[in-house]
Amino acid sequence: MRLKNWKNLFFCILLASSGGSWCCIRIDAVESANTDIWRPKNLTSTQVNYQQLCQKLEQEAINSLCKQSSELHPLDFQMPLNLAQQTPQTTQAPDQTEKPENIQKQNDPPQLESQPSNLPISSPDSKEQLLNAPPQINQSQRLERLMQLLRSPKEPPGSDSNRELGLRVRLRPLEQQPPPPTEQSVVSFKPIGYLQAHVGYFQTNNIFSSDDNPIEDGFIISGLTLASAYFPLGSKTYLNGSIDGNLIRYMNQSQYHYNQVRFNLSIYQQLSQRMYGEISWSNQQLFYANNSDRLDSFKAGDRFLNEISLELSLGRRDPLTSRLTVDSFYELSVNFADPLSRDRIINSFWVSLNYYLQKPLQVGIDYQANFSDFTQRDREDQLHRLFGHLNYRISDTSNMNVQAGVSLGSSTAENIDFDGWFFSINYSFQLGQF
């Protein structure tokens, strides 16, 4: 039986494509029309060769596909493994990694242990005037006695010159001249209060008193103070009150911006010419200035601290020379706060050596120590500061204060450390009196 002129031969070749698809190509082999006899041996060998060729092409296609995939998509084979590893992280890792950050950065207020409110401003003007009050009173009394002596008419003692000239000297009545201001008239014109503005900058390398992650940052504090004069309740007892409002704005940690309102009422007692005592009541309230990034966290205007303090302080000034003085100060403060975790008793001691280079310029070196005992939890802090200061009275209504030094201290609470350096500059000016 003669075979047909056309025979169809099929084989499959594996090819690599960008999508990794497989296809079969049919190849038609044409035999010569003159071939009358089919040769099984050639057919068998041809099939074997086709199979070998197909296997070879298949292997090359696989190798080419692997090579191409590895070059174009080196992470494709790792993605299923990475996705399997990242899936639990997206659900659990944020809770673990953000939990301490959220507690510190989102939910909890900033640490207020080393803020400039704890830094004493050397030689407050009001207390300085009261410490110098006794000599001024004595001088005014002496002036008043002298004026009384001048008012009294007296006959001049006789002298040879007067007798020879035949003249009698008599003082002109002082009633025709305006009376000089007396102590009572000066007191009646004293202002009962004043309004003062202030702005300052505070910089430290451990802004949040952190042990494991100290952060260097600074903030600007600006505000107004409405204060009353020292009203005399007795010969050496005075009453004073003030209201402060401050805006605290961090340079980098903007999520910690907050506002402060403080009320103060104190009774000042002059114990001696160089020593005084004071009993004070104060209330400070701190409010968040910005909204939190989290919807379930704090909002702008929320109060995060309400603290009432009862303070008993003693101060003394000892002059060593006409320009060198030593100021010492002790204060016992009992604080009741909301939240209760801020309740504490603070013992503060401060000593300052001051030197007056000129009348408006004063420099000095200070040492301050604070010992805090928290009453509602097991925590005790000790803080030491050694710093230098410069006070410059620019005018009768403006003053500048600069402080720079180091802080040392420790706490029984974890992750609290006071070690670091600090720098502050403050400028205050009086807006008016009333």
Protein backbone atom coordinates (compact mmCIF):
# COMPACT_ATOMS: atom_id res chain seq x y z
CA MET A 1 0.00 0.00 0.00
CA ARG A 2 1.40 3.27 -1.10
CA LEU A 3 1.60 6.01 1.51
CA LYS A 4 0.13 9.33 0.74
CA ASN A 5 2.33 12.09 -0.66
CA TRP A 6 1.87 14.22 2.43
CA LYS A 7 2.55 13.00 5.90
CA ASN A 8 1.88 15.08 8.99
CA LEU A 9 4.50 14.98 11.69
CA PHE A 10 3.83 16.65 15.04
CA PHE A 11 6.17 17.44 17.95
CA CYS A 12 6.05 19.78 20.89
CA ILE A 13 8.70 22.39 21.63
CA LEU A 14 8.82 24.13 25.00
CA LEU A 15 9.43 27.88 24.67
CA ALA A 16 9.93 30.57 27.32
CA SER A 17 7.86 33.67 27.17
CA SER A 18 7.47 36.68 29.47
CA GLY A 19 4.20 35.35 30.82
CA GLY A 20 5.59 31.81 31.21
CA SER A 21 2.99 30.32 28.79
CA TRP A 22 3.44 27.05 26.95
CA CYS A 23 2.44 26.41 23.34
CA CYS A 24 2.75 23.66 20.75
CA ILE A 25 3.76 24.35 17.19
CA ARG A 26 2.77 21.99 14.44
CA ILE A 27 5.32 21.48 11.75
CA ASP A 28 4.35 19.91 8.41
CA ALA A 29 7.06 17.88 6.79
CA VAL A 30 6.89 17.47 3.06
CA GLU A 31 8.37 14.46 1.44
CA SER A 32 9.38 14.27 -2.11
CA ALA A 33 6.70 13.14 -4.50
CA ASN A 34 9.06 10.60 -6.05
CA THR A 35 9.58 8.75 -2.74
CA ASP A 36 7.62 5.54 -3.16
CA ILE A 37 8.79 3.54 -0.20
CA TRP A 38 8.49 4.54 3.57
CA ARG A 39 11.54 3.73 5.59
CA PRO A 40 10.67 2.75 9.15
CA LYS A 41 14.32 3.00 10.28
CA ASN A 42 14.56 6.62 9.20
CA LEU A 43 11.22 7.33 10.83
CA THR A 44 12.33 5.81 14.07
CA SER A 45 15.59 7.71 14.13
CA THR A 46 13.78 10.89 13.20
CA GLN A 47 11.36 10.46 16.11
CA VAL A 48 14.26 9.84 18.46
CA ASN A 49 16.02 12.95 17.23
CA TYR A 50 12.82 14.94 17.60
CA GLN A 51 12.39 13.71 21.17
CA GLN A 52 15.97 14.56 22.05
CA LEU A 53 15.60 17.95 20.43
CA CYS A 54 12.35 18.55 22.31
CA GLN A 55 13.94 17.61 25.63
CA LYS A 56 16.93 19.80 24.91
CA LEU A 57 14.76 22.77 23.97
CA GLU A 58 12.58 22.17 27.03
CA GLN A 59 15.59 22.21 29.35
CA GLU A 60 16.96 25.36 27.67
CA ALA A 61 13.56 27.02 28.00
CA ILE A 62 13.37 26.21 31.70
CA ASN A 63 16.90 27.51 32.28
CA SER A 64 16.15 30.62 30.30
CA LEU A 65 12.93 31.22 32.23
CA CYS A 66 14.67 30.85 35.58
CA LYS A 67 17.50 33.14 34.51
CA GLN A 68 15.14 35.75 33.11
CA SER A 69 12.91 35.66 36.18
CA SER A 70 15.84 35.97 38.53
CA GLU A 71 17.19 38.97 36.64
CA LEU A 72 13.93 40.83 36.16
CA HIS A 73 12.17 39.96 39.45
CA PRO A 74 14.77 39.06 42.06
CA LEU A 75 12.20 39.44 44.90
CA ASP A 76 9.34 37.52 43.28
CA PHE A 77 10.34 34.23 44.79
CA GLN A 78 10.78 35.80 48.20
CA MET A 79 7.50 37.68 48.27
CA PRO A 80 5.32 34.78 49.44
CA LEU A 81 7.72 34.16 52.32
CA ASN A 82 7.95 37.85 53.17
CA LEU A 83 4.21 38.25 53.03
CA ALA A 84 3.79 35.34 55.36
CA GLN A 85 6.29 36.89 57.74
CA GLN A 86 4.91 40.42 57.46
CA THR A 87 1.28 39.52 57.93
CA PRO A 88 1.50 39.07 61.70
CA GLN A 89 3.70 42.17 61.96
CA THR A 90 1.07 44.37 60.42
CA THR A 91 -1.42 43.25 63.02
CA GLN A 92 0.75 42.80 66.09
CA ALA A 93 4.01 44.65 65.59
CA PRO A 94 2.50 48.16 65.73
CA ASP A 95 1.04 47.39 69.12
CA GLN A 96 4.44 46.23 70.36
CA THR A 97 6.62 48.86 68.73
CA GLU A 98 4.28 51.83 69.06
CA LYS A 99 3.04 51.04 72.52
CA PRO A 100 5.94 52.67 74.40
CA GLU A 101 6.13 55.45 71.86
CA ASN A 102 2.43 56.12 72.09
CA ILE A 103 2.60 56.13 75.85
CA GLN A 104 5.45 58.64 75.74
CA LYS A 105 4.59 60.56 72.58
CA GLN A 106 0.83 60.28 72.27
CA ASN A 107 -0.87 59.67 75.61
CA ASP A 108 1.46 60.85 78.37
CA PRO A 109 2.44 64.48 79.02
CA PRO A 110 6.08 65.47 78.70
CA GLN A 111 8.38 65.13 81.68
CA LEU A 112 8.36 68.35 83.70
CA GLU A 113 11.23 67.55 86.01
CA SER A 114 13.88 69.80 84.46
CA GLN A 115 11.85 72.69 83.11
CA PRO A 116 13.03 76.29 83.61
CA SER A 117 10.23 76.92 86.09
CA ASN A 118 12.42 75.13 88.62
CA LEU A 119 15.36 77.41 87.91
CA PRO A 120 15.55 80.29 90.39
CA ILE A 121 15.82 83.79 89.00
CA SER A 122 18.58 85.41 90.99
CA SER A 123 17.68 88.34 93.23
CA PRO A 124 14.02 89.09 92.47
CA ASP A 125 13.49 92.83 92.38
CA SER A 126 10.51 92.87 94.75
CA LYS A 127 12.23 90.93 97.51
CA GLU A 128 15.44 92.86 96.95
CA GLN A 129 13.62 96.11 97.60
CA LEU A 130 12.04 94.69 100.72
CA LEU A 131 15.39 93.51 102.01
CA ASN A 132 16.72 97.03 101.56
CA ALA A 133 13.61 98.64 102.97
CA PRO A 134 14.82 99.31 106.56
CA PRO A 135 17.71 101.59 105.54
CA GLN A 136 15.41 103.53 103.24
CA ILE A 137 12.87 104.02 106.03
CA ASN A 138 15.54 105.27 108.40
CA GLN A 139 16.82 107.72 105.80
CA SER A 140 13.35 109.11 105.14
CA GLN A 141 12.79 109.51 108.85
CA ARG A 142 16.03 111.42 109.16
CA LEU A 143 14.99 113.69 106.29
CA GLU A 144 11.64 114.32 107.89
CA ARG A 145 13.27 115.28 111.19
CA LEU A 146 15.59 117.63 109.36
CA MET A 147 12.70 119.31 107.58
CA GLN A 148 10.88 119.74 110.88
CA LEU A 149 13.93 121.44 112.33
CA LEU A 150 14.10 123.78 109.38
CA ARG A 151 10.41 124.69 109.71
CA SER A 152 10.73 125.74 113.34
CA PRO A 153 11.57 129.53 113.59
CA LYS A 154 14.67 130.22 115.62
CA GLU A 155 16.53 133.36 116.48
CA PRO A 156 20.00 133.22 115.08
CA PRO A 157 22.72 133.35 117.69
CA GLY A 158 24.29 136.76 118.11
CA SER A 159 27.60 137.37 116.40
CA ASP A 160 30.02 140.24 116.18
CA SER A 161 29.44 140.69 112.48
CA ASN A 162 25.68 140.98 112.95
CA ARG A 163 26.04 143.47 115.77
CA GLU A 164 28.45 145.64 113.82
CA LEU A 165 26.16 145.74 110.78
CA GLY A 166 23.09 146.20 112.92
CA LEU A 167 21.28 143.48 111.10
CA ARG A 168 19.07 140.75 112.46
CA VAL A 169 18.97 137.53 110.44
CA ARG A 170 15.64 135.77 110.36
CA LEU A 171 14.73 132.66 108.39
CA ARG A 172 12.19 133.01 105.65
CA PRO A 173 8.99 131.17 106.50
CA LEU A 174 9.00 127.81 104.75
CA GLU A 175 5.19 127.74 104.61
CA GLN A 176 5.35 129.80 101.45
CA GLN A 177 7.30 127.09 99.67
CA PRO A 178 5.66 123.83 98.51
CA PRO A 179 6.19 121.19 101.16
CA PRO A 180 8.68 118.47 100.23
CA PRO A 181 7.24 115.01 99.61
CA THR A 182 6.98 113.03 102.78
CA GLU A 183 6.89 109.27 103.21
CA GLN A 184 3.10 109.30 103.49
CA SER A 185 2.65 111.22 100.25
CA VAL A 186 5.06 108.91 98.38
CA VAL A 187 3.23 105.82 99.58
CA SER A 188 -0.11 107.23 98.46
CA PHE A 189 1.15 107.47 94.87
CA LYS A 190 2.69 104.02 94.67
CA PRO A 191 1.07 101.72 92.09
CA ILE A 192 -0.97 98.80 93.35
CA GLY A 193 0.14 96.45 90.58
CA TYR A 194 1.88 96.04 87.27
CA LEU A 195 1.69 94.06 84.04
CA GLN A 196 4.89 92.41 82.84
CA ALA A 197 5.70 90.49 79.65
CA HIS A 198 8.51 87.98 79.33
CA VAL A 199 10.02 85.73 76.69
CA GLY A 200 12.74 83.12 77.11
CA TYR A 201 14.50 80.21 75.49
CA PHE A 202 15.54 76.98 77.21
CA GLN A 203 17.92 74.40 75.66
CA THR A 204 19.16 71.08 77.06
CA ASN A 205 20.52 67.79 75.79
CA ASN A 206 18.00 65.77 77.83
CA ILE A 207 14.69 67.54 77.40
CA PHE A 208 12.54 64.73 78.85
CA SER A 209 14.92 63.54 81.60
CA SER A 210 15.21 60.17 79.88
CA ASP A 211 17.72 57.51 80.82
CA ASP A 212 17.62 55.25 77.76
CA ASN A 213 16.81 57.78 75.03
CA PRO A 214 17.96 61.34 75.86
CA ILE A 215 16.74 63.92 73.34
CA GLU A 216 18.40 67.28 72.76
CA ASP A 217 15.84 69.98 72.18
CA GLY A 218 14.76 73.40 73.32
CA PHE A 219 11.60 75.41 73.64
CA ILE A 220 10.45 79.02 73.75
CA ILE A 221 8.40 80.21 76.72
CA SER A 222 6.51 83.47 76.48
CA GLY A 223 3.78 84.98 78.58
CA LEU A 224 2.33 87.71 80.75
CA THR A 225 2.38 88.30 84.50
CA LEU A 226 -0.23 90.37 86.28
CA ALA A 227 1.08 91.01 89.79
CA SER A 228 0.10 93.18 92.70
CA ALA A 229 2.43 95.27 94.75
CA TYR A 230 3.44 94.15 98.22
CA PHE A 231 0.56 95.45 100.33
CA PRO A 232 1.62 96.13 103.92
CA LEU A 233 -0.38 94.20 106.50
CA GLY A 234 1.89 95.38 109.30
CA SER A 235 5.20 97.09 109.82
CA LYS A 236 7.09 94.09 108.40
CA THR A 237 4.33 91.94 106.85
CA TYR A 238 3.25 92.17 103.22
CA LEU A 239 0.68 90.49 100.99
CA ASN A 240 1.33 89.75 97.33
CA GLY A 241 -0.55 87.99 94.53
CA SER A 242 0.03 87.25 90.85
CA ILE A 243 -1.42 85.52 87.79
CA ASP A 244 0.83 84.07 85.10
CA GLY A 245 0.00 82.79 81.64
CA ASN A 246 2.66 81.11 79.52
CA LEU A 247 2.91 79.45 76.12
CA ILE A 248 5.54 76.69 75.87
CA ARG A 249 6.53 75.72 72.33
CA TYR A 250 9.15 73.04 71.61
CA MET A 251 11.53 73.48 68.71
CA ASN A 252 11.32 69.87 67.42
CA GLN A 253 8.86 67.96 69.64
CA SER A 254 5.83 69.92 68.50
CA GLN A 255 3.41 67.27 69.79
CA TYR A 256 4.35 68.36 73.32
CA HIS A 257 3.36 72.03 73.01
CA TYR A 258 1.43 73.09 76.09
CA ASN A 259 0.05 76.16 77.85
CA GLN A 260 0.41 77.10 81.51
CA VAL A 261 -1.77 79.12 83.87
CA ARG A 262 -0.51 79.82 87.37
CA PHE A 263 -2.11 81.60 90.36
CA ASN A 264 -0.06 82.65 93.37
CA LEU A 265 -0.80 84.24 96.73
CA SER A 266 1.87 84.81 99.36
CA ILE A 267 2.49 86.48 102.71
CA TYR A 268 5.93 87.98 103.17
CA GLN A 269 7.42 88.51 106.62
CA GLN A 270 10.55 90.54 107.25
CA LEU A 271 12.38 88.63 109.98
CA SER A 272 15.42 90.90 110.13
CA GLN A 273 17.22 93.39 107.97
CA ARG A 274 18.86 90.51 106.05
CA MET A 275 16.38 87.66 106.41
CA TYR A 276 12.78 87.04 105.41
CA GLY A 277 10.18 84.26 105.44
CA GLU A 278 7.29 83.61 103.09
CA ILE A 279 4.19 81.40 103.04
CA SER A 280 2.70 80.82 99.60
CA TRP A 281 -0.24 79.12 97.97
CA SER A 282 -0.07 78.44 94.24
CA ASN A 283 -2.04 76.56 91.62
CA GLN A 284 -0.68 75.69 88.19
CA GLN A 285 -2.63 74.08 85.36
CA LEU A 286 -1.13 72.70 82.16
CA PHE A 287 -3.08 72.21 78.93
CA TYR A 288 -2.23 70.53 75.64
CA ALA A 289 -1.79 73.02 72.81
CA ASN A 290 -2.18 70.62 69.84
CA ASN A 291 -4.39 67.67 68.99
CA SER A 292 -2.91 64.20 69.15
CA ASP A 293 -2.38 62.21 65.96
CA ARG A 294 -4.57 59.46 67.37
CA LEU A 295 -8.33 59.92 67.39
CA ASP A 296 -8.71 58.27 70.80
CA SER A 297 -6.05 60.41 72.46
CA PHE A 298 -5.91 63.96 73.85
CA LYS A 299 -7.24 67.09 72.16
CA ALA A 300 -6.07 70.68 72.20
CA GLY A 301 -7.19 72.36 75.40
CA ASP A 302 -7.28 69.17 77.47
CA ARG A 303 -5.75 69.64 80.90
CA PHE A 304 -3.10 67.09 81.85
CA LEU A 305 -1.93 68.58 85.18
CA ASN A 306 -3.68 70.46 87.96
CA GLU A 307 -1.31 71.05 90.87
CA ILE A 308 -1.83 72.93 94.14
CA SER A 309 1.27 73.77 96.18
CA LEU A 310 1.71 74.98 99.73
CA GLU A 311 5.17 76.47 100.22
CA LEU A 312 7.18 77.67 103.18
CA SER A 313 10.42 79.46 102.34
CA LEU A 314 13.25 81.25 104.09
CA GLY A 315 15.68 83.63 102.41
CA ARG A 316 18.73 85.52 103.51
CA ARG A 317 21.23 87.98 102.02
CA ASP A 318 24.68 88.48 103.50
CA PRO A 319 26.93 91.19 102.06
CA LEU A 320 30.61 90.25 102.06
CA THR A 321 31.84 93.46 100.50
CA SER A 322 30.21 96.47 98.88
CA ARG A 323 29.88 94.49 95.63
CA LEU A 324 29.90 90.85 96.74
CA THR A 325 26.88 89.21 98.37
CA VAL A 326 25.72 85.71 99.23
CA ASP A 327 22.04 84.82 98.82
CA SER A 328 20.68 81.63 100.38
CA PHE A 329 17.20 80.19 100.05
CA TYR A 330 15.31 77.17 101.43
CA GLU A 331 11.82 76.02 100.51
CA LEU A 332 9.51 73.24 101.66
CA SER A 333 6.74 72.52 99.17
CA VAL A 334 3.80 70.13 99.54
CA ASN A 335 2.12 69.46 96.19
CA PHE A 336 -1.35 67.98 95.62
CA ALA A 337 -1.89 67.11 91.98
CA ASP A 338 -4.33 65.63 89.54
CA PRO A 339 -3.30 62.99 88.52
CA LEU A 340 -2.43 61.70 91.97
CA SER A 341 0.83 60.22 90.71
CA ARG A 342 2.29 63.75 90.83
CA ASP A 343 1.64 64.26 94.56
CA ARG A 344 4.98 64.91 96.24
CA ILE A 345 6.93 66.76 98.91
CA ILE A 346 9.90 68.80 97.71
CA ASN A 347 12.79 70.16 99.74
CA SER A 348 14.76 72.78 97.82
CA PHE A 349 17.98 74.53 98.73
CA TRP A 350 19.69 77.24 96.73
CA VAL A 351 22.79 79.36 97.37
CA SER A 352 24.13 82.07 95.08
CA LEU A 353 27.35 84.10 95.11
CA ASN A 354 26.73 87.42 93.36
CA TYR A 355 29.16 90.10 92.27
CA TYR A 356 28.11 93.52 90.98
CA LEU A 357 30.45 94.52 88.20
CA GLN A 358 28.52 97.72 87.72
CA LYS A 359 25.27 99.04 89.08
CA PRO A 360 23.05 97.39 86.41
CA LEU A 361 25.23 94.30 85.81
CA GLN A 362 25.47 91.33 88.15
CA VAL A 363 27.23 87.98 87.65
CA GLY A 364 27.35 84.97 89.91
CA ILE A 365 27.51 81.25 90.40
CA ASP A 366 24.65 79.18 91.81
CA TYR A 367 24.05 75.77 93.32
CA GLN A 368 20.58 74.28 93.58
CA ALA A 369 19.39 70.97 95.06
CA ASN A 370 15.89 69.48 94.92
CA PHE A 371 14.80 66.37 96.80
CA SER A 372 11.36 65.04 95.84
CA ASP A 373 9.43 62.33 97.63
CA PHE A 374 6.30 61.14 95.81
CA THR A 375 3.55 60.27 98.27
CA GLN A 376 1.26 58.17 96.04
CA ARG A 377 3.89 55.85 94.56
CA ASP A 378 7.32 54.50 95.31
CA ARG A 379 9.53 57.16 93.75
CA GLU A 380 12.23 59.48 95.05
CA ASP A 381 14.19 62.02 93.00
CA GLN A 382 17.27 64.06 93.68
CA LEU A 383 18.37 66.83 91.36
CA HIS A 384 21.49 69.00 91.58
CA ARG A 385 22.29 71.99 89.42
CA LEU A 386 25.48 73.98 89.19
CA PHE A 387 25.28 76.98 86.90
CA GLY A 388 26.39 80.53 86.35
CA HIS A 389 24.11 83.48 85.80
CA LEU A 390 24.21 87.00 84.46
CA ASN A 391 21.61 89.63 85.34
CA TYR A 392 21.54 92.87 83.41
CA ARG A 393 19.07 95.62 84.18
CA ILE A 394 18.60 97.31 80.84
CA SER A 395 16.31 100.00 82.23
CA ASP A 396 13.95 100.61 85.10
CA THR A 397 11.30 98.52 83.36
CA SER A 398 13.30 95.79 81.56
CA ASN A 399 15.72 93.10 82.65
CA MET A 400 17.66 90.23 81.05
CA ASN A 401 18.80 87.01 82.73
CA VAL A 402 21.14 84.34 81.31
CA GLN A 403 21.88 80.96 82.92
CA ALA A 404 24.08 78.06 81.82
CA GLY A 405 25.28 74.98 83.67
CA VAL A 406 24.92 71.27 84.27
CA SER A 407 22.34 69.06 85.95
CA LEU A 408 23.08 65.91 87.93
CA GLY A 409 20.64 63.60 89.60
CA SER A 410 18.91 60.27 89.79
CA SER A 411 15.52 58.72 90.45
CA THR A 412 14.19 55.44 91.73
CA ALA A 413 11.78 55.42 88.77
CA GLU A 414 12.93 53.57 85.70
CA ASN A 415 14.09 55.47 82.62
CA ILE A 416 14.49 58.76 84.54
CA ASP A 417 17.85 60.50 84.51
CA PHE A 418 18.58 64.18 85.10
CA ASP A 419 22.19 64.28 83.86
CA GLY A 420 22.85 66.85 81.16
CA TRP A 421 23.63 70.46 80.42
CA PHE A 422 21.24 73.36 79.99
CA PHE A 423 21.16 76.95 78.81
CA SER A 424 18.46 79.57 79.22
CA ILE A 425 18.01 83.23 78.40
CA ASN A 426 15.07 85.32 79.59
CA TYR A 427 14.00 88.85 78.86
CA SER A 428 11.27 90.64 80.80
CA PHE A 429 9.85 94.12 80.39
CA GLN A 430 7.11 96.00 82.17
CA LEU A 431 4.12 96.99 80.09
CA GLY A 432 2.55 99.28 82.63
CA GLN A 433 1.52 100.01 86.20
CA PHE A 434 -1.87 100.60 87.74
